Amino acid sequence: MSKIIKLTTVAAIVAFLSGCTGSVSNKAKNCDYDYLLHPAISISKVIGGCGPVDK
């Protein structure tokens, strides 16, 4: 029973994370970054790796 609970928990976490990932690129399409849960909390966005995305 314990293995079933662990397997279900892992499957739920993977399904949640795969549904919340994505990629954002700037309008010039010369730089993009991936995010895990939300684009605003991406490490690349925080350090300004691509500069402003809206330009």
Protein backbone atom coordinates (compact mmCIF):
# COMPACT_ATOMS: atom_id res chain seq x y z
CA MET A 1 0.00 0.00 0.00
CA SER A 2 2.87 2.33 0.78
CA LYS A 3 4.35 1.86 -2.70
CA ILE A 4 1.03 2.78 -4.31
CA ILE A 5 0.83 6.01 -2.29
CA LYS A 6 4.41 6.94 -3.19
CA LEU A 7 3.85 6.18 -6.87
CA THR A 8 0.64 8.20 -6.91
CA THR A 9 2.36 11.13 -5.20
CA VAL A 10 5.26 11.13 -7.66
CA ALA A 11 2.88 10.88 -10.62
CA ALA A 12 0.82 13.80 -9.32
CA ILE A 13 3.93 15.96 -8.83
CA VAL A 14 5.22 15.19 -12.33
CA ALA A 15 1.81 15.93 -13.86
CA PHE A 16 1.58 19.23 -11.97
CA LEU A 17 5.05 20.38 -12.97
CA SER A 18 4.71 19.36 -16.60
CA GLY A 19 1.51 21.38 -16.85
CA CYS A 20 3.17 24.52 -15.46
CA THR A 21 6.30 24.74 -17.56
CA GLY A 22 6.86 26.83 -20.63
CA SER A 23 9.08 29.14 -22.57
CA VAL A 24 9.00 32.90 -23.19
CA SER A 25 10.83 34.71 -25.99
CA ASN A 26 11.20 38.37 -26.84
CA LYS A 27 9.53 39.94 -29.88
CA ALA A 28 12.75 39.85 -31.91
CA LYS A 29 12.85 36.06 -31.32
CA ASN A 30 16.59 36.16 -30.62
CA CYS A 31 16.43 35.15 -26.96
CA ASP A 32 14.15 32.95 -24.89
CA TYR A 33 14.06 31.42 -21.45
CA ASP A 34 12.27 28.50 -19.86
CA TYR A 35 10.31 28.65 -16.64
CA LEU A 36 9.05 26.01 -14.27
CA LEU A 37 5.98 27.42 -12.53
CA HIS A 38 5.57 31.07 -13.58
CA PRO A 39 7.53 33.31 -15.98
CA ALA A 40 8.01 36.01 -13.34
CA ILE A 41 9.99 33.69 -11.05
CA SER A 42 12.33 32.26 -13.68
CA ILE A 43 16.02 32.57 -12.80
CA SER A 44 16.78 33.90 -16.29
CA LYS A 45 14.11 36.57 -15.87
CA VAL A 46 15.36 37.54 -12.41
CA ILE A 47 18.94 38.05 -13.58
CA GLY A 48 17.82 39.76 -16.80
CA GLY A 49 19.42 37.25 -19.14
CA CYS A 50 17.30 38.24 -22.14
CA GLY A 51 16.63 41.82 -21.19
CA PRO A 52 13.05 43.07 -21.34
CA VAL A 53 10.83 40.45 -22.97
CA ASP A 54 8.27 42.98 -24.18
CA LYS A 55 10.75 44.70 -26.54
